[in-house]
Amino acid sequence: MTEREFLELIECELSTQRLKHRENSRLEYKANFNKADYALYAKTLAAFSNNQGGSIIFGIQDKPRKPIGMTNENFKDFDNKDFSEFLNQHFAPEIQFETSNFTYQKKDFGVIQVLESDNKPIICIKNGGKKQELIEGDIYYRYSGRTQKIKHPELKNIIDKNLEIERQKWREHIENIAKIGVKNVKMLDLLRGKIDIGNGKSIVIDKELLKNLNLIKEGKFVEKDGAPTLKLIGTIENGEIVAPNLNLDKDFFTTKELLEKLGLTISHHYFRGILAEYSIIQKETKYFQQKKNQKYYSRLCLEFLQQQKLTNDRVKELCKKHNIWRKNAK
């Protein structure tokens, strides 16, 4: 969150000095941050993620709502890793968040912000909280000014959108097959090392060769010194090689790991600008894999982005270009 966005959210009426903004589907106010209330914050963030994203702002007095600043130092000692572990223990898919500290009129404020999840619904996977605020199997959703279990219309909307995305992927695959011609389509199974040639017959590739095979490079067959390759007689047109689920620990990266590999020191939220600019999601078969709705980005994706020579400032420009933050900061 930028300072300008923060100041807009704590803007006050001149006559009463009370906040102009009320709590809503994207905003919640708290007086102070306390580690003992992790479960409450996690529940709210999950609810925000299942809707359109949102922010918890600390340092706001209740009744009347005024920006008085935090009265303890807890937020300054906020441990992102510790809170992230708590979220991962209690929710799946992953909830990605960003924290910010602000000083206004010599008063300290803190913000925890999440964007709308790409992998809805976020589901509670473990009971938790002092008063059992978190219940395994529950899906939380942010309604106007309150967090509660999701209702049928909102859950149906999430399911319908997921089904439509799946249908669109199938349509694209079928269209590609139609363009190539069904008889001309062969499947290379990299997991089992087989190429299906029809009539129940297949070509088997030696496992050792398959393990070291340098086959995919930005959508082309390439050759590196010392790397075994397959030599193709003729050409493959409009074809696509689909990689299986490889070792996610060694062959793929989380968003945070990918940014580190790229030498970027910005929040992982800014990665959405990169996704939008280079259509990474549309390159699913080459650039990322999913496990339990969590995205992991491939080495091919890393190599492609390294060629773009991205900087922190450049990525922030991409977010502005694609209106990433503006539409989620309201």
C-alpha atoms as a PDB file:
ATOM      1  CA  MET A   1       0.000   0.000   0.000  1.00  0.00           C
ATOM      2  CA  THR A   2       1.299   3.452  -0.872  1.00  0.00           C
ATOM      3  CA  GLU A   3       1.223   6.381   1.557  1.00  0.00           C
ATOM      4  CA  ARG A   4      -1.322   8.141  -0.635  1.00  0.00           C
ATOM      5  CA  GLU A   5      -3.655   5.149  -0.539  1.00  0.00           C
ATOM      6  CA  PHE A   6      -3.252   4.904   3.229  1.00  0.00           C
ATOM      7  CA  LEU A   7      -4.059   8.591   3.769  1.00  0.00           C
ATOM      8  CA  GLU A   8      -7.197   8.269   1.671  1.00  0.00           C
ATOM      9  CA  LEU A   9      -8.419   5.421   3.895  1.00  0.00           C
ATOM     10  CA  ILE A  10      -7.921   7.376   7.146  1.00  0.00           C
ATOM     11  CA  GLU A  11      -9.241  10.708   5.843  1.00  0.00           C
ATOM     12  CA  CYS A  12     -11.419  12.463   8.442  1.00  0.00           C
ATOM     13  CA  GLU A  13     -14.367  14.830   8.461  1.00  0.00           C
ATOM     14  CA  LEU A  14     -13.116  18.322   9.302  1.00  0.00           C
ATOM     15  CA  SER A  15     -15.907  19.073  11.764  1.00  0.00           C
ATOM     16  CA  THR A  16     -15.823  15.846  13.820  1.00  0.00           C
ATOM     17  CA  GLN A  17     -12.374  14.415  13.034  1.00  0.00           C
ATOM     18  CA  ARG A  18     -14.084  11.062  12.534  1.00  0.00           C
ATOM     19  CA  LEU A  19     -13.142   8.814   9.623  1.00  0.00           C
ATOM     20  CA  LYS A  20     -14.981   9.368   6.363  1.00  0.00           C
ATOM     21  CA  HIS A  21     -14.686   5.698   5.433  1.00  0.00           C
ATOM     22  CA  ARG A  22     -16.615   2.996   7.225  1.00  0.00           C
ATOM     23  CA  GLU A  23     -15.625  -0.648   7.414  1.00  0.00           C
ATOM     24  CA  ASN A  24     -16.735  -2.370   4.238  1.00  0.00           C
ATOM     25  CA  SER A  25     -16.063  -5.386   2.026  1.00  0.00           C
ATOM     26  CA  ARG A  26     -12.438  -4.250   1.552  1.00  0.00           C
ATOM     27  CA  LEU A  27     -11.617  -2.487   4.805  1.00  0.00           C
ATOM     28  CA  GLU A  28     -11.398  -3.249   8.527  1.00  0.00           C
ATOM     29  CA  TYR A  29     -10.073  -1.086  11.366  1.00  0.00           C
ATOM     30  CA  LYS A  30      -8.329  -2.223  14.559  1.00  0.00           C
ATOM     31  CA  ALA A  31      -6.932  -0.267  17.512  1.00  0.00           C
ATOM     32  CA  ASN A  32      -3.776  -2.341  18.071  1.00  0.00           C
ATOM     33  CA  PHE A  33      -2.017  -5.408  16.724  1.00  0.00           C
ATOM     34  CA  ASN A  34      -1.696  -8.386  19.059  1.00  0.00           C
ATOM     35  CA  LYS A  35      -0.082 -11.718  18.221  1.00  0.00           C
ATOM     36  CA  ALA A  36      -2.705 -13.473  20.334  1.00  0.00           C
ATOM     37  CA  ASP A  37      -5.298 -12.417  17.753  1.00  0.00           C
ATOM     38  CA  TYR A  38      -3.606 -14.100  14.773  1.00  0.00           C
ATOM     39  CA  ALA A  39      -6.718 -16.231  14.186  1.00  0.00           C
ATOM     40  CA  LEU A  40      -9.009 -13.187  13.917  1.00  0.00           C
ATOM     41  CA  TYR A  41      -6.698 -11.462  11.446  1.00  0.00           C
ATOM     42  CA  ALA A  42      -6.267 -14.664   9.430  1.00  0.00           C
ATOM     43  CA  LYS A  43     -10.031 -15.159   9.215  1.00  0.00           C
ATOM     44  CA  THR A  44     -10.501 -11.599   7.934  1.00  0.00           C
ATOM     45  CA  LEU A  45      -7.681 -11.894   5.405  1.00  0.00           C
ATOM     46  CA  ALA A  46      -9.087 -15.189   4.096  1.00  0.00           C
ATOM     47  CA  ALA A  47     -12.469 -13.503   3.723  1.00  0.00           C
ATOM     48  CA  PHE A  48     -10.898 -10.568   1.855  1.00  0.00           C
ATOM     49  CA  SER A  49      -9.021 -12.988  -0.441  1.00  0.00           C
ATOM     50  CA  ASN A  50     -12.233 -14.828  -1.313  1.00  0.00           C
ATOM     51  CA  ASN A  51     -13.878 -11.537  -2.293  1.00  0.00           C
ATOM     52  CA  GLN A  52     -11.960  -8.643  -3.878  1.00  0.00           C
ATOM     53  CA  GLY A  53      -9.026  -8.265  -1.509  1.00  0.00           C
ATOM     54  CA  GLY A  54      -8.754  -5.759   1.312  1.00  0.00           C
ATOM     55  CA  SER A  55      -6.819  -4.194   4.193  1.00  0.00           C
ATOM     56  CA  ILE A  56      -6.730  -4.259   7.985  1.00  0.00           C
ATOM     57  CA  ILE A  57      -5.546  -0.897   9.350  1.00  0.00           C
ATOM     58  CA  PHE A  58      -4.209  -0.759  12.915  1.00  0.00           C
ATOM     59  CA  GLY A  59      -4.268   2.459  14.936  1.00  0.00           C
ATOM     60  CA  ILE A  60      -7.954   3.331  14.623  1.00  0.00           C
ATOM     61  CA  GLN A  61     -10.018   4.001  17.724  1.00  0.00           C
ATOM     62  CA  ASP A  62     -13.487   2.459  17.861  1.00  0.00           C
ATOM     63  CA  LYS A  63     -16.626   4.417  18.791  1.00  0.00           C
ATOM     64  CA  PRO A  64     -16.013   6.996  17.528  1.00  0.00           C
ATOM     65  CA  ARG A  65     -13.633   5.889  14.799  1.00  0.00           C
ATOM     66  CA  LYS A  66     -10.653   8.199  14.876  1.00  0.00           C
ATOM     67  CA  PRO A  67      -7.021   7.763  13.712  1.00  0.00           C
ATOM     68  CA  ILE A  68      -5.312   7.967  17.112  1.00  0.00           C
ATOM     69  CA  GLY A  69      -2.391   5.677  16.255  1.00  0.00           C
ATOM     70  CA  MET A  70      -1.322   2.415  17.875  1.00  0.00           C
ATOM     71  CA  THR A  71      -0.714   2.526  21.623  1.00  0.00           C
ATOM     72  CA  ASN A  72       1.804  -0.355  21.694  1.00  0.00           C
ATOM     73  CA  GLU A  73       4.886  -1.391  19.728  1.00  0.00           C
ATOM     74  CA  ASN A  74       3.628  -4.838  18.659  1.00  0.00           C
ATOM     75  CA  PHE A  75       3.282  -4.086  14.957  1.00  0.00           C
ATOM     76  CA  LYS A  76       6.860  -2.857  14.701  1.00  0.00           C
ATOM     77  CA  ASP A  77       7.908  -6.332  15.827  1.00  0.00           C
ATOM     78  CA  PHE A  78       5.603  -8.023  13.303  1.00  0.00           C
ATOM     79  CA  ASP A  79       7.211 -11.248  12.031  1.00  0.00           C
ATOM     80  CA  ASN A  80       6.083 -11.897   8.459  1.00  0.00           C
ATOM     81  CA  LYS A  81       7.517 -15.408   8.451  1.00  0.00           C
ATOM     82  CA  ASP A  82       5.790 -16.368  11.708  1.00  0.00           C
ATOM     83  CA  PHE A  83       2.417 -15.034  10.543  1.00  0.00           C
ATOM     84  CA  SER A  84       2.848 -16.651   7.131  1.00  0.00           C
ATOM     85  CA  GLU A  85       3.453 -20.014   8.808  1.00  0.00           C
ATOM     86  CA  PHE A  86       0.280 -19.545  10.853  1.00  0.00           C
ATOM     87  CA  LEU A  87      -1.711 -18.808   7.697  1.00  0.00           C
ATOM     88  CA  ASN A  88      -0.285 -21.835   5.881  1.00  0.00           C
ATOM     89  CA  GLN A  89      -1.090 -24.094   8.836  1.00  0.00           C
ATOM     90  CA  HIS A  90      -4.724 -22.979   8.894  1.00  0.00           C
ATOM     91  CA  PHE A  91      -5.629 -22.105   5.287  1.00  0.00           C
ATOM     92  CA  ALA A  92      -5.162 -23.419   1.760  1.00  0.00           C
ATOM     93  CA  PRO A  93      -4.392 -22.353  -0.883  1.00  0.00           C
ATOM     94  CA  GLU A  94      -1.781 -19.867   0.320  1.00  0.00           C
ATOM     95  CA  ILE A  95      -2.864 -16.398   1.431  1.00  0.00           C
ATOM     96  CA  GLN A  96      -0.353 -13.844   0.178  1.00  0.00           C
ATOM     97  CA  PHE A  97      -0.160 -10.640   2.194  1.00  0.00           C
ATOM     98  CA  GLU A  98       1.852  -7.445   2.501  1.00  0.00           C
ATOM     99  CA  THR A  99       2.512  -5.317   5.580  1.00  0.00           C
ATOM    100  CA  SER A 100       3.204  -1.576   5.733  1.00  0.00           C
ATOM    101  CA  ASN A 101       4.101   0.929   8.462  1.00  0.00           C
ATOM    102  CA  PHE A 102       3.015   4.568   8.310  1.00  0.00           C
ATOM    103  CA  THR A 103       3.447   7.649  10.494  1.00  0.00           C
ATOM    104  CA  TYR A 104       0.796  10.356  10.338  1.00  0.00           C
ATOM    105  CA  GLN A 105       0.725  13.431  12.598  1.00  0.00           C
ATOM    106  CA  LYS A 106       3.397  11.750  14.764  1.00  0.00           C
ATOM    107  CA  LYS A 107       1.173   8.701  15.233  1.00  0.00           C
ATOM    108  CA  ASP A 108       2.062   5.167  14.172  1.00  0.00           C
ATOM    109  CA  PHE A 109      -0.183   2.970  12.029  1.00  0.00           C
ATOM    110  CA  GLY A 110       0.152  -0.513  10.560  1.00  0.00           C
ATOM    111  CA  VAL A 111      -1.500  -2.195   7.585  1.00  0.00           C
ATOM    112  CA  ILE A 112      -1.912  -5.802   6.485  1.00  0.00           C
ATOM    113  CA  GLN A 113      -3.154  -6.006   2.914  1.00  0.00           C
ATOM    114  CA  VAL A 114      -4.186  -8.883   0.649  1.00  0.00           C
ATOM    115  CA  LEU A 115      -5.266  -8.922  -2.965  1.00  0.00           C
ATOM    116  CA  GLU A 116      -8.087 -10.970  -4.395  1.00  0.00           C
ATOM    117  CA  SER A 117      -6.968 -14.597  -4.628  1.00  0.00           C
ATOM    118  CA  ASP A 118      -6.355 -16.216  -8.008  1.00  0.00           C
ATOM    119  CA  ASN A 119      -7.109 -19.601  -6.441  1.00  0.00           C
ATOM    120  CA  LYS A 120     -10.505 -19.306  -4.777  1.00  0.00           C
ATOM    121  CA  PRO A 121     -11.874 -20.538  -2.534  1.00  0.00           C
ATOM    122  CA  ILE A 122      -9.428 -20.161   0.351  1.00  0.00           C
ATOM    123  CA  ILE A 123     -10.494 -22.875   2.824  1.00  0.00           C
ATOM    124  CA  CYS A 124      -9.772 -23.297   6.540  1.00  0.00           C
ATOM    125  CA  ILE A 125      -7.875 -26.587   7.008  1.00  0.00           C
ATOM    126  CA  LYS A 126      -7.335 -26.559  10.775  1.00  0.00           C
ATOM    127  CA  ASN A 127      -9.241 -25.443  13.861  1.00  0.00           C
ATOM    128  CA  GLY A 128      -7.656 -22.521  15.674  1.00  0.00           C
ATOM    129  CA  GLY A 129      -8.016 -19.415  17.802  1.00  0.00           C
ATOM    130  CA  LYS A 130      -8.575 -18.603  21.473  1.00  0.00           C
ATOM    131  CA  LYS A 131     -12.333 -18.872  21.009  1.00  0.00           C
ATOM    132  CA  GLN A 132     -12.199 -21.397  18.158  1.00  0.00           C
ATOM    133  CA  GLU A 133     -12.611 -18.617  15.577  1.00  0.00           C
ATOM    134  CA  LEU A 134     -11.297 -20.917  12.852  1.00  0.00           C
ATOM    135  CA  ILE A 135     -13.236 -24.067  11.982  1.00  0.00           C
ATOM    136  CA  GLU A 136     -11.788 -26.711   9.669  1.00  0.00           C
ATOM    137  CA  GLY A 137     -13.717 -26.878   6.389  1.00  0.00           C
ATOM    138  CA  ASP A 138     -15.186 -23.374   6.658  1.00  0.00           C
ATOM    139  CA  ILE A 139     -14.907 -20.859   3.830  1.00  0.00           C
ATOM    140  CA  TYR A 140     -14.950 -17.231   4.982  1.00  0.00           C
ATOM    141  CA  TYR A 141     -16.168 -14.335   2.868  1.00  0.00           C
ATOM    142  CA  ARG A 142     -16.111 -10.585   3.367  1.00  0.00           C
ATOM    143  CA  TYR A 143     -19.510  -8.962   3.194  1.00  0.00           C
ATOM    144  CA  SER A 144     -20.202  -5.273   3.826  1.00  0.00           C
ATOM    145  CA  GLY A 145     -18.302  -4.522   7.024  1.00  0.00           C
ATOM    146  CA  ARG A 146     -18.328  -8.079   8.372  1.00  0.00           C
ATOM    147  CA  THR A 147     -16.615 -11.446   7.972  1.00  0.00           C
ATOM    148  CA  GLN A 148     -18.669 -14.644   8.044  1.00  0.00           C
ATOM    149  CA  LYS A 149     -19.041 -18.071   6.490  1.00  0.00           C
ATOM    150  CA  ILE A 150     -19.726 -17.830   2.790  1.00  0.00           C
ATOM    151  CA  LYS A 151     -23.333 -18.009   1.621  1.00  0.00           C
ATOM    152  CA  HIS A 152     -24.678 -20.038  -1.292  1.00  0.00           C
ATOM    153  CA  PRO A 153     -24.802 -17.245  -3.965  1.00  0.00           C
ATOM    154  CA  GLU A 154     -21.174 -16.191  -3.426  1.00  0.00           C
ATOM    155  CA  LEU A 155     -19.889 -19.782  -3.271  1.00  0.00           C
ATOM    156  CA  LYS A 156     -21.815 -20.675  -6.430  1.00  0.00           C
ATOM    157  CA  ASN A 157     -20.310 -17.661  -8.177  1.00  0.00           C
ATOM    158  CA  ILE A 158     -16.769 -18.794  -7.275  1.00  0.00           C
ATOM    159  CA  ILE A 159     -17.473 -22.352  -8.474  1.00  0.00           C
ATOM    160  CA  ASP A 160     -19.063 -21.124 -11.712  1.00  0.00           C
ATOM    161  CA  LYS A 161     -16.055 -18.915 -12.482  1.00  0.00           C
ATOM    162  CA  ASN A 162     -13.645 -21.812 -11.859  1.00  0.00           C
ATOM    163  CA  LEU A 163     -15.690 -24.056 -14.158  1.00  0.00           C
ATOM    164  CA  GLU A 164     -15.689 -21.399 -16.876  1.00  0.00           C
ATOM    165  CA  ILE A 165     -11.892 -21.077 -16.680  1.00  0.00           C
ATOM    166  CA  GLU A 166     -11.616 -24.871 -17.016  1.00  0.00           C
ATOM    167  CA  ARG A 167     -14.024 -24.893 -19.980  1.00  0.00           C
ATOM    168  CA  GLN A 168     -12.013 -22.139 -21.668  1.00  0.00           C
ATOM    169  CA  LYS A 169      -8.816 -24.175 -21.334  1.00  0.00           C
ATOM    170  CA  TRP A 170     -10.527 -27.189 -22.880  1.00  0.00           C
ATOM    171  CA  ARG A 171     -11.860 -25.034 -25.726  1.00  0.00           C
ATOM    172  CA  GLU A 172      -8.361 -23.734 -26.436  1.00  0.00           C
ATOM    173  CA  HIS A 173      -6.907 -27.269 -26.468  1.00  0.00           C
ATOM    174  CA  ILE A 174      -9.644 -28.547 -28.753  1.00  0.00           C
ATOM    175  CA  GLU A 175      -9.229 -25.574 -31.113  1.00  0.00           C
ATOM    176  CA  ASN A 176      -5.491 -26.253 -31.331  1.00  0.00           C
ATOM    177  CA  ILE A 177      -6.113 -29.927 -32.065  1.00  0.00           C
ATOM    178  CA  ALA A 178      -8.619 -28.959 -34.751  1.00  0.00           C
ATOM    179  CA  LYS A 179      -6.091 -26.643 -36.404  1.00  0.00           C
ATOM    180  CA  ILE A 180      -3.352 -29.266 -36.387  1.00  0.00           C
ATOM    181  CA  GLY A 181      -5.611 -32.161 -37.318  1.00  0.00           C
ATOM    182  CA  VAL A 182      -6.434 -35.058 -35.023  1.00  0.00           C
ATOM    183  CA  LYS A 183      -4.280 -37.492 -37.035  1.00  0.00           C
ATOM    184  CA  ASN A 184      -1.290 -35.189 -36.737  1.00  0.00           C
ATOM    185  CA  VAL A 185      -1.400 -34.866 -32.963  1.00  0.00           C
ATOM    186  CA  LYS A 186       0.920 -37.088 -30.931  1.00  0.00           C
ATOM    187  CA  MET A 187       1.448 -36.947 -27.201  1.00  0.00           C
ATOM    188  CA  LEU A 188       4.881 -36.921 -25.622  1.00  0.00           C
ATOM    189  CA  ASP A 189       4.578 -38.292 -22.079  1.00  0.00           C
ATOM    190  CA  LEU A 190       7.624 -36.908 -20.279  1.00  0.00           C
ATOM    191  CA  LEU A 191       6.620 -38.607 -17.046  1.00  0.00           C
ATOM    192  CA  ARG A 192       6.757 -42.150 -18.434  1.00  0.00           C
ATOM    193  CA  GLY A 193       9.124 -41.457 -21.311  1.00  0.00           C
ATOM    194  CA  LYS A 194       6.769 -42.533 -24.114  1.00  0.00           C
ATOM    195  CA  ILE A 195       5.593 -41.148 -27.413  1.00  0.00           C
ATOM    196  CA  ASP A 196       2.230 -42.577 -28.476  1.00  0.00           C
ATOM    197  CA  ILE A 197       2.323 -43.302 -32.230  1.00  0.00           C
ATOM    198  CA  GLY A 198      -1.136 -44.879 -32.496  1.00  0.00           C
ATOM    199  CA  ASN A 199      -2.483 -48.418 -32.956  1.00  0.00           C
ATOM    200  CA  GLY A 200      -1.528 -49.187 -29.364  1.00  0.00           C
ATOM    201  CA  LYS A 201       2.167 -48.687 -30.147  1.00  0.00           C
ATOM    202  CA  SER A 202       4.609 -46.306 -28.552  1.00  0.00           C
ATOM    203  CA  ILE A 203       8.274 -45.309 -28.592  1.00  0.00           C
ATOM    204  CA  VAL A 204       9.990 -45.636 -25.218  1.00  0.00           C
ATOM    205  CA  ILE A 205      12.796 -43.228 -24.283  1.00  0.00           C
ATOM    206  CA  ASP A 206      15.474 -44.501 -21.908  1.00  0.00           C
ATOM    207  CA  LYS A 207      14.909 -43.099 -18.392  1.00  0.00           C
ATOM    208  CA  GLU A 208      18.456 -41.846 -18.047  1.00  0.00           C
ATOM    209  CA  LEU A 209      18.204 -40.073 -21.385  1.00  0.00           C
ATOM    210  CA  LEU A 210      14.813 -38.665 -20.415  1.00  0.00           C
ATOM    211  CA  LYS A 211      16.143 -37.375 -17.082  1.00  0.00           C
ATOM    212  CA  ASN A 212      18.946 -35.450 -18.774  1.00  0.00           C
ATOM    213  CA  LEU A 213      17.068 -34.567 -21.933  1.00  0.00           C
ATOM    214  CA  ASN A 214      17.256 -30.882 -22.777  1.00  0.00           C
ATOM    215  CA  LEU A 215      13.980 -30.546 -24.650  1.00  0.00           C
ATOM    216  CA  ILE A 216      12.187 -27.338 -23.755  1.00  0.00           C
ATOM    217  CA  LYS A 217      13.643 -23.885 -24.298  1.00  0.00           C
ATOM    218  CA  GLU A 218      11.206 -21.046 -24.804  1.00  0.00           C
ATOM    219  CA  GLY A 219       8.922 -23.264 -26.792  1.00  0.00           C
ATOM    220  CA  LYS A 220      11.630 -24.645 -29.095  1.00  0.00           C
ATOM    221  CA  PHE A 221      13.846 -27.708 -29.334  1.00  0.00           C
ATOM    222  CA  VAL A 222      17.395 -26.586 -28.638  1.00  0.00           C
ATOM    223  CA  GLU A 223      20.782 -28.138 -28.073  1.00  0.00           C
ATOM    224  CA  LYS A 224      23.324 -27.350 -25.353  1.00  0.00           C
ATOM    225  CA  ASP A 225      26.835 -28.676 -25.127  1.00  0.00           C
ATOM    226  CA  GLY A 226      26.832 -32.071 -23.421  1.00  0.00           C
ATOM    227  CA  ALA A 227      23.030 -32.305 -23.181  1.00  0.00           C
ATOM    228  CA  PRO A 228      21.308 -35.274 -24.875  1.00  0.00           C
ATOM    229  CA  THR A 229      18.728 -34.192 -27.457  1.00  0.00           C
ATOM    230  CA  LEU A 230      16.154 -35.672 -29.792  1.00  0.00           C
ATOM    231  CA  LYS A 231      16.676 -35.037 -33.486  1.00  0.00           C
ATOM    232  CA  LEU A 232      13.449 -34.369 -35.375  1.00  0.00           C
ATOM    233  CA  ILE A 233      13.085 -35.243 -39.051  1.00  0.00           C
ATOM    234  CA  GLY A 234      10.865 -32.529 -40.481  1.00  0.00           C
ATOM    235  CA  THR A 235       9.145 -29.908 -38.336  1.00  0.00           C
ATOM    236  CA  ILE A 236       6.433 -29.646 -35.736  1.00  0.00           C
ATOM    237  CA  GLU A 237       3.994 -26.835 -36.423  1.00  0.00           C
ATOM    238  CA  ASN A 238       1.473 -25.398 -33.970  1.00  0.00           C
ATOM    239  CA  GLY A 239       2.471 -28.102 -31.507  1.00  0.00           C
ATOM    240  CA  GLU A 240       2.975 -27.778 -27.795  1.00  0.00           C
ATOM    241  CA  ILE A 241       4.993 -29.857 -25.335  1.00  0.00           C
ATOM    242  CA  VAL A 242       3.299 -30.401 -22.022  1.00  0.00           C
ATOM    243  CA  ALA A 243       5.606 -30.916 -19.054  1.00  0.00           C
ATOM    244  CA  PRO A 244       4.419 -33.173 -16.208  1.00  0.00           C
ATOM    245  CA  ASN A 245       4.473 -32.320 -12.524  1.00  0.00           C
ATOM    246  CA  LEU A 246       8.198 -32.369 -11.837  1.00  0.00           C
ATOM    247  CA  ASN A 247       9.855 -32.020  -8.458  1.00  0.00           C
ATOM    248  CA  LEU A 248       8.329 -28.799  -7.159  1.00  0.00           C
ATOM    249  CA  ASP A 249      11.171 -28.283  -4.701  1.00  0.00           C
ATOM    250  CA  LYS A 250      13.933 -28.426  -7.327  1.00  0.00           C
ATOM    251  CA  ASP A 251      12.353 -27.545 -10.659  1.00  0.00           C
ATOM    252  CA  PHE A 252       9.809 -24.873  -9.725  1.00  0.00           C
ATOM    253  CA  PHE A 253       9.709 -21.688  -7.646  1.00  0.00           C
ATOM    254  CA  THR A 254       7.126 -19.937  -5.509  1.00  0.00           C
ATOM    255  CA  THR A 255       6.401 -16.292  -6.281  1.00  0.00           C
ATOM    256  CA  LYS A 256       8.733 -15.175  -3.493  1.00  0.00           C
ATOM    257  CA  GLU A 257      11.541 -17.468  -4.666  1.00  0.00           C
ATOM    258  CA  LEU A 258      11.112 -16.338  -8.269  1.00  0.00           C
ATOM    259  CA  LEU A 259      11.417 -12.666  -7.287  1.00  0.00           C
ATOM    260  CA  GLU A 260      14.573 -13.461  -5.313  1.00  0.00           C
ATOM    261  CA  LYS A 261      16.066 -15.278  -8.313  1.00  0.00           C
ATOM    262  CA  LEU A 262      15.307 -12.194 -10.413  1.00  0.00           C
ATOM    263  CA  GLY A 263      17.082  -9.967  -7.885  1.00  0.00           C
ATOM    264  CA  LEU A 264      13.893  -8.058  -7.056  1.00  0.00           C
ATOM    265  CA  THR A 265      13.301  -6.808  -3.509  1.00  0.00           C
ATOM    266  CA  ILE A 266       9.683  -5.706  -3.836  1.00  0.00           C
ATOM    267  CA  SER A 267       6.573  -7.298  -2.332  1.00  0.00           C
ATOM    268  CA  HIS A 268       5.276 -10.423  -4.045  1.00  0.00           C
ATOM    269  CA  HIS A 269       2.001  -8.549  -4.683  1.00  0.00           C
ATOM    270  CA  TYR A 270       3.764  -6.637  -7.474  1.00  0.00           C
ATOM    271  CA  PHE A 271       4.252  -9.919  -9.341  1.00  0.00           C
ATOM    272  CA  ARG A 272       0.751  -9.443 -10.711  1.00  0.00           C
ATOM    273  CA  GLY A 273       2.105  -6.683 -12.922  1.00  0.00           C
ATOM    274  CA  ILE A 274       4.569  -9.183 -14.429  1.00  0.00           C
ATOM    275  CA  LEU A 275       1.805 -11.771 -14.919  1.00  0.00           C
ATOM    276  CA  ALA A 276      -0.338  -9.237 -16.756  1.00  0.00           C
ATOM    277  CA  GLU A 277       2.438  -7.779 -18.922  1.00  0.00           C
ATOM    278  CA  TYR A 278       3.840 -11.096 -20.191  1.00  0.00           C
ATOM    279  CA  SER A 279       0.653 -13.210 -20.083  1.00  0.00           C
ATOM    280  CA  ILE A 280       2.360 -15.780 -17.859  1.00  0.00           C
ATOM    281  CA  ILE A 281      -0.916 -17.469 -16.933  1.00  0.00           C
ATOM    282  CA  GLN A 282      -1.693 -18.074 -20.613  1.00  0.00           C
ATOM    283  CA  LYS A 283       1.609 -19.973 -20.884  1.00  0.00           C
ATOM    284  CA  GLU A 284       0.522 -22.540 -18.291  1.00  0.00           C
ATOM    285  CA  THR A 285       1.983 -25.648 -19.892  1.00  0.00           C
ATOM    286  CA  LYS A 286       5.444 -24.130 -20.037  1.00  0.00           C
ATOM    287  CA  TYR A 287       5.657 -21.546 -17.309  1.00  0.00           C
ATOM    288  CA  PHE A 288       3.926 -22.890 -14.220  1.00  0.00           C
ATOM    289  CA  GLN A 289       2.364 -25.894 -12.547  1.00  0.00           C
ATOM    290  CA  GLN A 290      -0.277 -26.065  -9.837  1.00  0.00           C
ATOM    291  CA  LYS A 291      -0.502 -28.150  -6.697  1.00  0.00           C
ATOM    292  CA  LYS A 292      -3.573 -27.785  -4.479  1.00  0.00           C
ATOM    293  CA  ASN A 293      -4.376 -24.561  -6.348  1.00  0.00           C
ATOM    294  CA  GLN A 294      -0.949 -23.067  -5.520  1.00  0.00           C
ATOM    295  CA  LYS A 295       1.107 -21.886  -8.498  1.00  0.00           C
ATOM    296  CA  TYR A 296       4.773 -22.855  -8.912  1.00  0.00           C
ATOM    297  CA  TYR A 297       6.797 -21.217 -11.698  1.00  0.00           C
ATOM    298  CA  SER A 298       9.191 -23.177 -13.900  1.00  0.00           C
ATOM    299  CA  ARG A 299      12.852 -22.636 -14.736  1.00  0.00           C
ATOM    300  CA  LEU A 300      11.704 -21.766 -18.234  1.00  0.00           C
ATOM    301  CA  CYS A 301       9.626 -18.957 -16.743  1.00  0.00           C
ATOM    302  CA  LEU A 302      12.647 -17.788 -14.735  1.00  0.00           C
ATOM    303  CA  GLU A 303      14.869 -17.764 -17.832  1.00  0.00           C
ATOM    304  CA  PHE A 304      12.249 -15.850 -19.817  1.00  0.00           C
ATOM    305  CA  LEU A 305      11.862 -13.187 -17.117  1.00  0.00           C
ATOM    306  CA  GLN A 306      15.635 -12.882 -16.681  1.00  0.00           C
ATOM    307  CA  GLN A 307      15.806 -11.880 -20.348  1.00  0.00           C
ATOM    308  CA  GLN A 308      13.383  -9.011 -19.636  1.00  0.00           C
ATOM    309  CA  LYS A 309      15.977  -7.399 -17.305  1.00  0.00           C
ATOM    310  CA  LEU A 310      13.336  -6.373 -14.780  1.00  0.00           C
ATOM    311  CA  THR A 311      13.985  -3.870 -11.994  1.00  0.00           C
ATOM    312  CA  ASN A 312      11.881  -2.907  -8.977  1.00  0.00           C
ATOM    313  CA  ASP A 313      10.872   0.354 -10.643  1.00  0.00           C
ATOM    314  CA  ARG A 314      10.025  -1.381 -13.915  1.00  0.00           C
ATOM    315  CA  VAL A 315       7.730  -3.872 -12.152  1.00  0.00           C
ATOM    316  CA  LYS A 316       5.946  -1.049 -10.314  1.00  0.00           C
ATOM    317  CA  GLU A 317       5.433   0.672 -13.661  1.00  0.00           C
ATOM    318  CA  LEU A 318       3.844  -2.526 -14.996  1.00  0.00           C
ATOM    319  CA  CYS A 319       1.437  -2.570 -12.042  1.00  0.00           C
ATOM    320  CA  LYS A 320       0.409   1.000 -12.819  1.00  0.00           C
ATOM    321  CA  LYS A 321       0.097   0.192 -16.524  1.00  0.00           C
ATOM    322  CA  HIS A 322      -2.295  -2.681 -15.834  1.00  0.00           C
ATOM    323  CA  ASN A 323      -4.093  -0.861 -12.994  1.00  0.00           C
ATOM    324  CA  ILE A 324      -3.179  -3.629 -10.542  1.00  0.00           C
ATOM    325  CA  TRP A 325      -3.031  -1.643  -7.306  1.00  0.00           C
ATOM    326  CA  ARG A 326      -5.561   1.030  -8.141  1.00  0.00           C
ATOM    327  CA  LYS A 327      -8.417  -1.410  -8.587  1.00  0.00           C
ATOM    328  CA  ASN A 328      -7.590  -3.265  -5.349  1.00  0.00           C
ATOM    329  CA  ALA A 329      -6.959  -0.266  -3.118  1.00  0.00           C
ATOM    330  CA  LYS A 330     -10.464   1.141  -3.087  1.00  0.00           C
END
